[in-house]
Protein backbone atom coordinates (compact mmCIF):
# COMPACT_ATOMS: atom_id res chain seq x y z
CA UNK A 1 -30.53 28.22 80.17
CA UNK A 2 -33.50 29.72 82.08
CA UNK A 3 -33.71 29.51 85.94
CA UNK A 4 -37.29 28.71 87.12
CA UNK A 5 -36.70 28.59 90.83
CA UNK A 6 -34.42 27.06 93.47
CA UNK A 7 -32.71 24.10 91.91
CA UNK A 8 -34.91 24.09 88.82
CA UNK A 9 -33.68 25.07 85.38
CA UNK A 10 -35.01 24.65 81.83
CA UNK A 11 -32.57 24.07 79.01
CA UNK A 12 -33.11 26.26 76.00
CA UNK A 13 -33.48 24.39 72.71
CA UNK A 14 -30.48 25.06 70.52
CA UNK A 15 -31.09 27.20 67.50
CA UNK A 16 -32.01 24.96 64.58
CA UNK A 17 -29.62 25.06 61.66
CA UNK A 18 -31.20 26.81 58.70
CA UNK A 19 -32.16 24.51 55.84
CA UNK A 20 -29.50 24.06 53.18
CA UNK A 21 -31.59 25.84 50.58
CA UNK A 22 -31.56 28.93 52.79
CA UNK A 23 -27.77 28.97 52.64
CA UNK A 24 -27.63 28.48 48.90
CA UNK A 25 -26.54 32.00 48.25
CA UNK A 26 -23.68 31.81 50.77
CA UNK A 27 -22.25 28.39 49.77
CA UNK A 28 -19.96 28.45 46.79
CA UNK A 29 -20.80 25.55 44.53
CA UNK A 30 -17.70 23.96 43.02
CA UNK A 31 -17.79 23.66 39.24
CA UNK A 32 -17.72 20.21 37.69
CA UNK A 33 -14.12 19.20 37.05
CA UNK A 34 -14.91 18.54 33.39
CA UNK A 35 -15.90 22.21 33.01
CA UNK A 36 -12.75 23.64 34.63
CA UNK A 37 -10.38 25.44 32.25
CA UNK A 38 -6.99 23.85 31.65
CA UNK A 39 -5.31 27.17 32.46
CA UNK A 40 -6.76 26.99 36.00
CA UNK A 41 -5.44 23.46 36.49
CA UNK A 42 -1.95 24.44 35.28
CA UNK A 43 -1.93 27.57 37.44
CA UNK A 44 -2.68 25.58 40.56
CA UNK A 45 -0.17 22.89 39.59
CA UNK A 46 2.64 25.38 39.07
CA UNK A 47 1.74 27.31 42.23
CA UNK A 48 1.96 24.22 44.42
CA UNK A 49 5.04 22.69 42.84
CA UNK A 50 7.08 23.99 39.93
CA UNK A 51 9.04 21.29 38.08
CA UNK A 52 11.07 21.89 34.95
CA UNK A 53 9.32 19.82 32.28
CA UNK A 54 11.98 20.27 29.59
CA UNK A 55 14.97 18.20 28.57
CA UNK A 56 17.79 18.97 26.16
CA UNK A 57 17.80 17.11 22.85
CA UNK A 58 21.36 15.87 23.50
CA UNK A 59 20.43 14.15 26.79
CA UNK A 60 21.08 10.39 26.80
CA UNK A 61 18.45 7.74 27.50
CA UNK A 62 20.13 6.88 30.79
CA UNK A 63 20.17 10.52 31.90
CA UNK A 64 16.57 11.02 30.76
CA UNK A 65 15.45 8.01 32.80
CA UNK A 66 17.05 9.48 35.91
CA UNK A 67 15.41 12.87 35.26
CA UNK A 68 11.96 11.33 34.82
CA UNK A 69 12.31 9.41 38.11
CA UNK A 70 13.70 12.34 40.13
CA UNK A 71 11.14 14.85 38.88
CA UNK A 72 8.21 12.43 38.96
CA UNK A 73 7.23 13.25 35.38
CA UNK A 74 5.46 11.21 32.75
CA UNK A 75 6.34 13.55 29.88
CA UNK A 76 9.01 16.07 28.90
CA UNK A 77 9.32 18.61 26.10
CA UNK A 78 12.59 18.19 24.19
CA UNK A 79 14.24 21.56 23.59
CA UNK A 80 17.35 23.12 22.16
CA UNK A 81 18.45 25.19 25.15
CA UNK A 82 21.24 26.85 23.20
CA UNK A 83 18.80 28.63 20.84
CA UNK A 84 17.51 32.13 21.49
CA UNK A 85 13.86 32.27 20.44
CA UNK A 86 13.26 35.79 21.73
CA UNK A 87 16.07 38.24 21.17
CA UNK A 88 14.53 40.88 23.46
CA UNK A 89 14.02 38.70 26.53
CA UNK A 90 16.85 36.27 25.67
CA UNK A 91 14.40 33.43 26.28
CA UNK A 92 16.04 30.14 25.39
CA UNK A 93 14.60 26.77 24.58
CA UNK A 94 13.20 26.15 21.13
CA UNK A 95 10.87 23.14 21.37
CA UNK A 96 11.89 20.27 19.07
CA UNK A 97 9.55 17.49 20.17
CA UNK A 98 8.26 15.46 23.09
CA UNK A 99 9.36 12.39 25.05
CA UNK A 100 7.43 10.31 27.58
CA UNK A 101 8.32 7.73 30.19
CA UNK A 102 6.68 5.10 27.98
CA UNK A 103 9.06 6.08 25.16
CA UNK A 104 11.98 5.27 27.45
CA UNK A 105 10.50 1.90 28.43
CA UNK A 106 9.93 1.01 24.78
CA UNK A 107 13.52 1.97 23.99
CA UNK A 108 14.94 -0.34 26.66
CA UNK A 109 12.54 -3.14 25.64
CA UNK A 110 13.55 -2.83 21.99
CA UNK A 111 17.23 -2.88 22.94
CA UNK A 112 16.77 -6.06 24.97
CA UNK A 113 15.02 -7.77 22.05
CA UNK A 114 17.90 -6.73 19.78
CA UNK A 115 20.43 -8.22 22.20
CA UNK A 116 21.93 -4.85 23.15
CA UNK A 117 23.26 -4.09 26.62
CA UNK A 118 21.70 -1.64 29.07
CA UNK A 119 24.66 0.70 28.68
CA UNK A 120 24.38 0.69 24.89
CA UNK A 121 20.74 1.73 24.98
CA UNK A 122 21.38 4.19 27.79
CA UNK A 123 23.97 5.97 25.66
CA UNK A 124 21.49 6.87 22.89
CA UNK A 125 20.33 10.46 22.60
CA UNK A 126 16.76 11.58 23.19
CA UNK A 127 16.56 13.32 19.81
CA UNK A 128 16.86 9.94 18.07
CA UNK A 129 13.45 8.68 19.22
CA UNK A 130 11.47 11.69 20.47
CA UNK A 131 8.08 12.44 18.95
CA UNK A 132 8.69 15.28 16.46
CA UNK A 133 6.69 18.49 16.69
CA UNK A 134 4.51 17.73 13.67
CA UNK A 135 3.18 14.62 15.46
CA UNK A 136 2.66 16.06 18.95
CA UNK A 137 -1.01 16.38 19.93
CA UNK A 138 -1.63 19.43 22.11
CA UNK A 139 -4.38 21.27 23.99
CA UNK A 140 -5.21 24.95 24.51
CA UNK A 141 -5.25 26.77 27.89
CA UNK A 142 -8.79 28.05 27.29
CA UNK A 143 -10.15 24.53 26.72
CA UNK A 144 -11.71 22.47 29.52
CA UNK A 145 -10.60 19.40 31.43
CA UNK A 146 -13.41 17.47 29.74
CA UNK A 147 -12.04 18.34 26.31
CA UNK A 148 -8.53 17.36 27.39
CA UNK A 149 -9.76 14.00 28.67
CA UNK A 150 -11.51 13.29 25.39
CA UNK A 151 -8.37 14.04 23.36
CA UNK A 152 -6.15 11.96 25.65
CA UNK A 153 -8.54 8.99 25.54
CA UNK A 154 -8.92 9.08 21.76
CA UNK A 155 -5.19 9.34 21.08
CA UNK A 156 -4.19 7.01 23.93
CA UNK A 157 -1.75 9.33 25.71
CA UNK A 158 -1.04 9.96 29.40
CA UNK A 159 0.07 13.56 29.15
CA UNK A 160 -0.96 16.49 26.97
CA UNK A 161 1.24 19.53 26.28
CA UNK A 162 -0.70 22.78 26.46
CA UNK A 163 0.23 25.37 23.85
CA UNK A 164 -0.99 28.96 23.74
CA UNK A 165 -2.09 30.66 20.53
CA UNK A 166 1.23 32.55 20.62
CA UNK A 167 3.10 29.26 20.27
CA UNK A 168 4.35 28.91 23.86
CA UNK A 169 4.14 25.56 25.67
CA UNK A 170 2.53 26.55 28.98
CA UNK A 171 2.98 23.15 30.60
CA UNK A 172 2.13 19.46 30.41
CA UNK A 173 -1.26 18.28 31.67
CA UNK A 174 -1.52 14.79 33.18
CA UNK A 175 -4.32 12.69 34.66
CA UNK A 176 -2.88 13.31 38.10
CA UNK A 177 -3.03 17.08 37.59
CA UNK A 178 -6.73 16.86 36.76
CA UNK A 179 -7.46 14.66 39.77
CA UNK A 180 -5.45 16.81 42.19
CA UNK A 181 -7.29 19.95 41.14
CA UNK A 182 -10.47 18.70 42.78
CA UNK A 183 -8.73 18.08 46.11
CA UNK A 184 -7.74 20.54 48.82
CA UNK A 185 -4.31 20.30 50.40
CA UNK A 186 -5.80 18.98 53.64
CA UNK A 187 -7.54 16.21 51.68
CA UNK A 188 -4.24 15.08 50.17
CA UNK A 189 -1.96 15.36 53.19
CA UNK A 190 -1.81 15.42 56.98
CA UNK A 191 -2.52 12.87 59.70
CA UNK A 192 -6.29 12.77 59.21
CA UNK A 193 -5.99 12.21 55.45
CA UNK A 194 -3.53 9.38 55.98
CA UNK A 195 -5.65 7.66 58.61
CA UNK A 196 -8.86 7.96 56.60
CA UNK A 197 -7.48 7.08 53.18
CA UNK A 198 -4.19 5.22 53.40
CA UNK A 199 -3.47 3.50 56.70
CA UNK A 200 -5.98 0.69 56.27
CA UNK A 201 -4.63 -0.12 52.82
CA UNK A 202 -0.91 -0.48 53.60
CA UNK A 203 0.65 -3.92 53.91
CA UNK A 204 -0.67 -6.98 52.10
CA UNK A 205 -1.03 -10.28 53.91
CA UNK A 206 1.88 -12.65 53.56
CA UNK A 207 -0.65 -15.28 52.47
CA UNK A 208 -1.92 -13.10 49.59
CA UNK A 209 -2.43 -14.88 46.28
CA UNK A 210 -3.86 -13.98 42.91
CA UNK A 211 -7.53 -14.67 42.29
CA UNK A 212 -8.59 -16.96 39.46
CA UNK A 213 -9.54 -15.23 36.22
CA UNK A 214 -13.25 -14.39 35.94
CA UNK A 215 -15.45 -17.15 34.60
CA UNK A 216 -16.29 -15.33 31.39
CA UNK A 217 -12.58 -15.47 30.42
CA UNK A 218 -12.37 -19.27 30.71
CA UNK A 219 -12.73 -20.02 27.00
CA UNK A 220 -10.47 -17.14 25.95
CA UNK A 221 -7.67 -18.30 28.27
CA UNK A 222 -8.01 -21.88 27.07
CA UNK A 223 -7.68 -20.71 23.46
CA UNK A 224 -4.72 -18.38 24.00
CA UNK A 225 -2.11 -20.98 23.11
CA UNK A 226 -3.96 -22.19 20.02
CA UNK A 227 -3.42 -20.50 16.67
CA UNK A 228 -6.24 -18.57 15.03
CA UNK A 229 -6.98 -18.28 11.34
CA UNK A 230 -8.77 -15.82 9.10
CA UNK A 231 -11.05 -16.25 6.14
CA UNK A 232 -10.74 -13.34 3.75
CA UNK A 233 -13.34 -11.80 1.48
CA UNK A 234 -12.85 -8.81 -0.83
CA UNK A 235 -15.04 -6.68 -3.03
CA UNK A 236 -14.86 -3.36 -4.87
CA UNK A 237 -17.11 -0.99 -6.79
CA UNK A 238 -16.28 2.14 -8.75
CA UNK A 239 -17.92 5.51 -8.26
CA UNK A 240 -21.46 5.01 -9.66
CA UNK A 241 -20.94 7.72 -12.30
CA UNK A 242 -17.32 6.93 -13.15
CA UNK A 243 -16.25 6.96 -16.79
CA UNK A 244 -12.88 6.45 -18.42
CA UNK A 245 -12.32 10.20 -18.26
CA UNK A 246 -13.51 10.54 -14.67
CA UNK A 247 -16.80 11.35 -12.95
CA UNK A 248 -19.60 12.44 -15.29
CA UNK A 249 -23.16 13.61 -14.69
CA UNK A 250 -25.10 13.29 -11.46
CA UNK A 251 -27.51 10.86 -9.88
CA UNK A 252 -30.63 12.78 -10.92
CA UNK A 253 -29.85 12.16 -14.59
CA UNK A 254 -29.14 8.47 -14.32
CA UNK A 255 -31.02 5.31 -13.53
CA UNK A 256 -29.69 2.10 -11.89
CA UNK A 257 -28.83 0.63 -15.26
CA UNK A 258 -26.42 3.49 -15.94
CA UNK A 259 -24.31 3.00 -12.82
CA UNK A 260 -20.69 2.04 -13.42
CA UNK A 261 -19.66 -1.50 -12.43
CA UNK A 262 -16.27 -1.89 -14.10
CA UNK A 263 -13.72 -1.90 -11.26
CA UNK A 264 -11.01 -1.01 -13.75
CA UNK A 265 -12.48 2.51 -13.59
CA UNK A 266 -11.95 2.74 -9.83
CA UNK A 267 -9.19 4.89 -8.36
CA UNK A 268 -9.00 2.53 -5.39
CA UNK A 269 -6.56 -0.37 -5.25
CA UNK A 270 -6.02 -3.28 -2.87
CA UNK A 271 -4.07 -6.51 -2.35
CA UNK A 272 -4.07 -9.61 -0.15
CA UNK A 273 -1.11 -11.93 0.37
CA UNK A 274 -0.17 -15.01 2.39
CA UNK A 275 3.52 -16.04 2.49
CA UNK A 276 4.32 -19.63 1.71
CA UNK A 277 7.41 -19.86 3.90
CA UNK A 278 6.19 -20.16 7.50
CA UNK A 279 6.46 -22.70 10.31
CA UNK A 280 3.88 -25.47 10.78
CA UNK A 281 1.32 -23.46 12.77
CA UNK A 282 2.38 -20.01 11.65
CA UNK A 283 0.10 -18.32 9.17
CA UNK A 284 0.55 -14.69 8.19
CA UNK A 285 -2.04 -12.73 6.24
CA UNK A 286 -1.31 -9.33 4.71
CA UNK A 287 -3.83 -6.96 3.14
CA UNK A 288 -3.88 -3.36 2.00
CA UNK A 289 -6.13 -0.72 0.45
CA UNK A 290 -5.28 2.57 -1.24
CA UNK A 291 -7.48 5.42 -2.47
CA UNK A 292 -6.09 7.46 -5.35
CA UNK A 293 -6.79 11.20 -5.26
CA UNK A 294 -9.12 12.08 -8.13
CA UNK A 295 -8.17 15.75 -8.35
CA UNK A 296 -5.01 14.72 -10.25
CA UNK A 297 -7.17 14.49 -13.37
CA UNK A 298 -7.22 18.29 -13.42
CA UNK A 299 -3.47 18.14 -14.15
CA UNK A 300 -3.77 15.49 -16.83
CA UNK A 301 -2.67 12.67 -14.51
CA UNK A 302 -4.61 9.41 -14.21
CA UNK A 303 -5.19 9.03 -10.44
CA UNK A 304 -5.55 5.26 -10.77
CA UNK A 305 -1.88 4.81 -11.56
CA UNK A 306 -0.41 5.88 -8.24
CA UNK A 307 -2.72 3.88 -5.95
CA UNK A 308 -2.28 0.76 -8.08
CA UNK A 309 1.48 1.18 -8.21
CA UNK A 310 1.61 1.66 -4.43
CA UNK A 311 -0.45 -1.43 -3.58
CA UNK A 312 1.34 -3.44 -6.29
CA UNK A 313 4.72 -2.46 -4.84
CA UNK A 314 3.54 -3.57 -1.39
CA UNK A 315 2.66 -7.01 -2.73
CA UNK A 316 5.87 -7.29 -4.78
CA UNK A 317 7.99 -6.45 -1.73
CA UNK A 318 6.21 -9.13 0.34
CA UNK A 319 6.76 -11.73 -2.38
CA UNK A 320 10.46 -10.88 -2.48
CA UNK A 321 10.77 -11.14 1.30
CA UNK A 322 8.91 -14.46 1.22
CA UNK A 323 11.28 -15.83 -1.41
CA UNK A 324 14.32 -14.60 0.50
CA UNK A 325 13.18 -16.35 3.71
CA UNK A 326 12.66 -19.82 2.21
CA UNK A 327 15.84 -21.15 3.80
CA UNK A 328 15.41 -19.39 7.16
CA UNK A 329 14.57 -21.43 10.26
CA UNK A 330 12.60 -18.55 11.77
CA UNK A 331 10.35 -16.34 9.67
CA UNK A 332 10.04 -12.81 11.00
CA UNK A 333 6.88 -10.98 9.89
CA UNK A 334 7.41 -7.84 7.83
CA UNK A 335 6.00 -4.78 9.59
CA UNK A 336 3.29 -2.80 7.75
CA UNK A 337 5.17 0.50 8.10
CA UNK A 338 8.24 -1.11 6.52
CA UNK A 339 6.09 -2.41 3.66
CA UNK A 340 4.66 1.04 2.95
CA UNK A 341 8.05 2.73 3.27
CA UNK A 342 9.57 0.37 0.70
CA UNK A 343 6.55 0.61 -1.60
CA UNK A 344 6.49 4.41 -1.53
CA UNK A 345 10.15 4.60 -2.43
CA UNK A 346 9.69 2.14 -5.32
CA UNK A 347 6.78 4.16 -6.71
CA UNK A 348 8.93 7.30 -6.61
CA UNK A 349 11.77 5.43 -8.29
CA UNK A 350 9.33 4.42 -11.04
CA UNK A 351 8.41 8.12 -11.34
CA UNK A 352 4.67 7.50 -11.01
CA UNK A 353 2.99 10.88 -10.49
CA UNK A 354 -0.02 11.13 -8.18
CA UNK A 355 -1.02 10.44 -4.59
CA UNK A 356 -3.03 8.01 -2.51
CA UNK A 357 -4.13 7.25 1.02
CA UNK A 358 -3.05 3.82 2.24
CA UNK A 359 -3.72 1.26 4.95
CA UNK A 360 -1.77 -2.01 5.26
CA UNK A 361 -2.30 -4.67 7.90
CA UNK A 362 -0.76 -7.96 9.01
CA UNK A 363 -2.63 -10.72 10.83
CA UNK A 364 -0.35 -12.93 12.97
CA UNK A 365 -2.32 -16.07 13.82
CA UNK A 366 -0.01 -17.33 16.59
CA UNK A 367 0.23 -13.97 18.37
CA UNK A 368 -3.54 -13.34 17.93
CA UNK A 369 -2.72 -9.83 16.74
CA UNK A 370 -3.35 -7.47 13.87
CA UNK A 371 -0.63 -4.93 13.17
CA UNK A 372 -1.50 -2.06 10.85
CA UNK A 373 -0.20 1.24 9.50
CA UNK A 374 -2.54 3.88 8.14
CA UNK A 375 -2.22 7.23 6.38
CA UNK A 376 -5.30 9.23 5.43
CA UNK A 377 -8.98 8.32 5.65
CA UNK A 378 -8.94 4.63 4.78
CA UNK A 379 -8.97 2.48 7.88
CA UNK A 380 -9.88 -0.55 9.99
CA UNK A 381 -12.71 -1.42 12.34
CA UNK A 382 -12.96 -4.53 14.53
CA UNK A 383 -16.39 -5.94 15.46
CA UNK A 384 -16.75 -8.26 18.45
CA UNK A 385 -19.53 -9.87 20.47
CA UNK A 386 -19.11 -8.36 23.94
CA UNK A 387 -21.53 -9.32 26.71
CA UNK A 388 -23.01 -6.15 28.22
CA UNK A 389 -23.41 -7.75 31.65
CA UNK A 390 -19.62 -8.17 31.74
CA UNK A 391 -18.16 -5.33 29.69
CA UNK A 392 -20.77 -2.65 30.25
CA UNK A 393 -20.50 -2.41 34.03
CA UNK A 394 -18.37 0.74 34.00
CA UNK A 395 -20.44 2.48 31.33
CA UNK A 396 -24.01 1.41 32.01
CA UNK A 397 -25.23 4.96 31.42
CA UNK A 398 -23.86 4.82 27.86
CA UNK A 399 -24.60 1.20 26.95
CA UNK A 400 -28.05 0.03 25.92
CA UNK A 401 -29.32 -2.52 28.42
CA UNK A 402 -28.89 -6.15 27.33
CA UNK A 403 -32.62 -6.83 27.27
CA UNK A 404 -33.15 -3.80 25.00
CA UNK A 405 -30.46 -4.72 22.49
CA UNK A 406 -30.80 -7.18 19.63
CA UNK A 407 -27.26 -8.49 20.02
CA UNK A 408 -23.93 -7.97 21.71
CA UNK A 409 -22.06 -7.28 18.47
CA UNK A 410 -20.24 -3.98 18.90
CA UNK A 411 -17.43 -1.94 17.45
CA UNK A 412 -14.38 -2.89 19.51
CA UNK A 413 -11.81 -0.79 17.64
CA UNK A 414 -11.77 2.04 15.08
CA UNK A 415 -8.47 3.21 13.57
CA UNK A 416 -7.57 6.89 13.64
CA UNK A 417 -7.73 8.88 10.42
CA UNK A 418 -5.21 11.57 9.51
CA UNK A 419 -6.75 14.67 7.92
CA UNK A 420 -5.27 18.01 6.99
CA UNK A 421 -8.82 19.39 7.01
CA UNK A 422 -12.34 18.18 6.28
CA UNK A 423 -12.36 15.87 3.22
CA UNK A 424 -8.64 16.52 2.78
CA UNK A 425 -6.68 13.47 3.98
CA UNK A 426 -2.94 13.16 4.26
CA UNK A 427 -1.49 10.89 1.59
CA UNK A 428 1.57 9.34 0.00
CA UNK A 429 2.47 11.28 -3.13
CA UNK A 430 5.02 12.11 -5.79
CA UNK A 431 5.18 15.14 -8.10
CA UNK A 432 8.39 14.17 -9.90
CA UNK A 433 10.73 15.80 -7.40
CA UNK A 434 11.36 15.67 -3.67
CA UNK A 435 9.55 18.28 -1.56
CA UNK A 436 11.71 20.67 0.40
CA UNK A 437 10.41 19.98 3.89
CA UNK A 438 7.10 21.78 3.44
CA UNK A 439 5.22 20.97 6.65
CA UNK A 440 1.98 22.35 5.22
CA UNK A 441 1.99 19.78 2.41
CA UNK A 442 -0.65 17.05 2.21
CA UNK A 443 2.11 14.58 1.28
CA UNK A 444 3.60 12.51 4.08
CA UNK A 445 5.95 9.55 4.28
CA UNK A 446 6.18 6.33 6.29
CA UNK A 447 7.48 8.16 9.38
CA UNK A 448 4.07 9.88 9.65
CA UNK A 449 2.02 6.67 9.61
CA UNK A 450 -0.43 5.88 12.38
CA UNK A 451 0.87 2.45 13.44
CA UNK A 452 -0.73 0.23 16.06
CA UNK A 453 -1.53 -3.35 17.10
CA UNK A 454 -4.85 -4.91 18.12
CA UNK A 455 -5.46 -8.11 20.08
CA UNK A 456 -7.87 -10.34 18.16
CA UNK A 457 -10.24 -13.08 19.38
CA UNK A 458 -11.97 -15.94 17.62
CA UNK A 459 -15.23 -14.74 16.10
CA UNK A 460 -14.02 -11.17 15.48
CA UNK A 461 -14.79 -9.53 12.14
CA UNK A 462 -12.15 -7.13 10.86
CA UNK A 463 -13.13 -4.72 8.09
CA UNK A 464 -10.54 -2.70 6.19
CA UNK A 465 -11.92 -0.26 3.64
CA UNK A 466 -11.49 3.00 1.78
CA UNK A 467 -13.62 6.00 2.72
CA UNK A 468 -16.31 4.96 0.22
CA UNK A 469 -17.64 2.67 2.96
CA UNK A 470 -17.13 4.78 6.07
CA UNK A 471 -18.43 8.01 4.47
CA UNK A 472 -21.75 6.36 3.61
CA UNK A 473 -22.45 3.64 6.18
CA UNK A 474 -22.46 4.36 9.89
CA UNK A 475 -20.52 1.87 12.04
CA UNK A 476 -23.72 0.85 13.86
CA UNK A 477 -25.28 -0.02 10.51
CA UNK A 478 -22.17 -2.01 9.60
CA UNK A 479 -22.70 -3.97 12.82
CA UNK A 480 -26.30 -4.71 11.81
CA UNK A 481 -25.24 -5.94 8.36
CA UNK A 482 -22.57 -8.22 9.85
CA UNK A 483 -25.01 -9.57 12.45
CA UNK A 484 -27.53 -10.52 9.77
CA UNK A 485 -24.76 -12.29 7.86
CA UNK A 486 -23.81 -14.27 10.98
CA UNK A 487 -27.42 -15.27 11.65
CA UNK A 488 -28.16 -16.14 8.00
CA UNK A 489 -25.20 -18.55 7.94
CA UNK A 490 -25.92 -20.12 11.31
CA UNK A 491 -22.79 -18.82 13.06
CA UNK A 492 -25.01 -17.50 15.88
CA UNK A 493 -28.71 -18.07 16.56
CA UNK A 494 -31.59 -15.78 15.59
CA UNK A 495 -31.66 -14.07 18.99
CA UNK A 496 -28.11 -12.80 18.57
CA UNK A 497 -27.02 -14.70 21.69
CA UNK A 498 -23.54 -16.19 21.38
CA UNK A 499 -24.00 -18.84 24.09
CA UNK A 500 -24.62 -21.61 21.56
CA UNK A 501 -21.54 -20.58 19.59
CA UNK A 502 -19.40 -20.73 22.71
CA UNK A 503 -20.83 -24.15 23.52
CA UNK A 504 -20.10 -25.37 20.00
CA UNK A 505 -16.54 -24.09 20.18
CA UNK A 506 -16.09 -25.80 23.55
CA UNK A 507 -16.88 -29.11 21.85
CA UNK A 508 -14.42 -28.36 19.07
CA UNK A 509 -17.19 -27.92 16.51
CA UNK A 510 -16.36 -25.02 14.21
CA UNK A 511 -17.76 -23.79 10.92
CA UNK A 512 -14.55 -22.43 9.49
CA UNK A 513 -15.01 -24.21 6.16
CA UNK A 514 -18.43 -22.64 5.56
CA UNK A 515 -17.20 -19.25 6.77
CA UNK A 516 -14.45 -19.42 4.19
CA UNK A 517 -16.95 -19.45 1.35
CA UNK A 518 -19.48 -16.98 2.75
CA UNK A 519 -17.20 -14.16 3.92
CA UNK A 520 -17.02 -12.98 0.32
CA UNK A 521 -20.80 -12.48 0.47
CA UNK A 522 -20.36 -10.16 3.43
CA UNK A 523 -17.84 -8.01 1.56
CA UNK A 524 -20.21 -7.79 -1.41
CA UNK A 525 -23.14 -6.85 0.83
CA UNK A 526 -21.15 -4.04 2.43
CA UNK A 527 -20.10 -2.53 -0.91
CA UNK A 528 -23.68 -2.81 -2.17
CA UNK A 529 -25.09 -1.00 0.85
CA UNK A 530 -22.36 1.66 0.59
CA UNK A 531 -23.36 2.35 -3.02
CA UNK A 532 -27.09 2.44 -2.23
CA UNK A 533 -26.54 4.88 0.66
CA UNK A 534 -24.26 7.07 -1.45
CA UNK A 535 -27.12 7.66 -3.92
CA UNK A 536 -29.74 8.63 -1.38
CA UNK A 537 -30.93 12.21 -0.92
CA UNK A 538 -33.35 11.66 1.94
CA UNK A 539 -30.93 10.43 4.63
CA UNK A 540 -27.75 12.20 5.65
CA UNK A 541 -24.69 9.99 5.45
CA UNK A 542 -21.83 10.14 8.01
CA UNK A 543 -20.05 12.34 5.43
CA UNK A 544 -22.99 14.79 5.27
CA UNK A 545 -23.30 15.00 9.04
CA UNK A 546 -19.58 15.74 9.42
CA UNK A 547 -19.73 18.26 6.56
CA UNK A 548 -22.45 20.24 8.32
CA UNK A 549 -20.45 20.21 11.54
CA UNK A 550 -17.70 21.88 9.51
CA UNK A 551 -20.11 24.51 8.09
CA UNK A 552 -20.33 22.84 4.68
CA UNK A 553 -23.82 22.34 3.29
CA UNK A 554 -24.09 18.75 2.08
CA UNK A 555 -27.06 16.40 2.17
CA UNK A 556 -27.52 12.73 1.43
CA UNK A 557 -24.74 10.34 0.48
CA UNK A 558 -21.25 10.71 -0.92
CA UNK A 559 -20.78 8.77 -4.21
CA UNK A 560 -17.27 7.37 -4.36
CA UNK A 561 -15.16 4.34 -5.22
CA UNK A 562 -15.36 1.66 -2.52
CA UNK A 563 -12.93 -1.19 -1.77
CA UNK A 564 -13.36 -3.58 1.16
CA UNK A 565 -11.34 -6.41 2.72
CA UNK A 566 -13.16 -8.51 5.35
CA UNK A 567 -11.37 -10.88 7.72
CA UNK A 568 -13.39 -13.34 9.81
CA UNK A 569 -11.33 -14.82 12.64
CA UNK A 570 -11.91 -18.56 13.06
CA UNK A 571 -10.43 -21.39 15.09
CA UNK A 572 -9.48 -23.67 12.24
CA UNK A 573 -8.05 -23.08 8.79
CA UNK A 574 -10.37 -23.46 5.81
CA UNK A 575 -7.46 -23.95 3.39
CA UNK A 576 -8.97 -21.47 0.94
CA UNK A 577 -6.65 -19.51 -1.31
CA UNK A 578 -6.88 -15.73 -1.20
């Protein structure tokens, strides 16, 4: 303030704050959370609140439930606390596996369905249902939060154990840990934080009610209580250069007329089966594919024998179960993992030498679900028309705008593959004697299957295939092939818009009968495209791209046997035999 004379003053202008760019060097810019190292997140977590994230293998389900609630944990490492794993430091606690809060919920749910009491289930021991070490997915301390999120999303888990290169479990990373890392203590607690973030959200009105489902779900909800059906198409092709003695020559020495077409030469195998003994509206559809491992020829073993025996045993077991249930009032579907477990044991009992990947699925038309079990690099994809204006809201930066896309047909689900290394899938196998617990072996059993369930809608296209398809045809190209099949047969219009289909369904006008005859054409088109792509040198296949990412020089396609099962989900049965 400056005094100018009696009673007169002039206020000085306050010093202007320097522009933000001038302070750039003095303001510490926080790193993006996705770039933060996992070790930093765990360090902060353990500094603020240390909680023992281990549980003894002998703990009961009831005790484990109490521990999870009291400690506020979503996952625990199961350990043997009586074992010394370091004689010098007397460190105890050999890790045996992992257990999550969802595992406990599933255990109680299963017990209720089996008619068991709460106390009976609560008395079980954790070791009886924990995830064993060889199935636990883990992260590394030096990896980033972004990498951890990707792994957790792909595997579908809520917590990720972090293991150092020395084999120590440093902690368990959860979604909450990653979110809390970006917040200061004052942001999470205190009066101001509560007033700004919480107070206005506590206490729902006593007149609160649930909103009606969104309009785009109207047809789906109306159809939920109606059974669905599937039309099935299959096709197979052998390796283009396959001979009775195996693969001979190469594509540069052969012309189209020399390509093998006899499927009896293929090392793939598959089956489809529908039980006869079901209730009036119940219709079950089973299917499976197996890919025999060709390297057995080097040992004088025909690789076709094992895959065919495995798929044949699956079908035989289903026929036996169907026959046994003919006098039952309620038919309980046979689970795919049970089918493969029984089939694998039968193949071993028959002393069939060899190995094969395998994928078996069950379509339950009343539950609108597909259940499947997979081992190796065969698998399942589900294609669905999904409106981008509805489903793409949360991912608009990743989804092509509706007006720029030719259709809304997208990949809705892709099954996980199980690989020991690149081009080296896990597999069912038999050498003539039982292995002695070799964890490094490529051979696995039914307990190692990737088993899951998928909700299915009318109009979905489900494709199960061996790697001969997926190694040569990108999933986006598969979508394009399926779309052209739908348009060519009038299931949707030329623009790819499904509005007319929805309108037709609303009137009860389906085309299930026509779909039943044309779905075989789709299977044949897919195998044909897979073969054509496998013979090309000028375009890298999905196999070639992945090979280069693994420092293996490979260009063009990957010639191989190819077997495909296509299921088109419809609203009315076509009464076609498989």
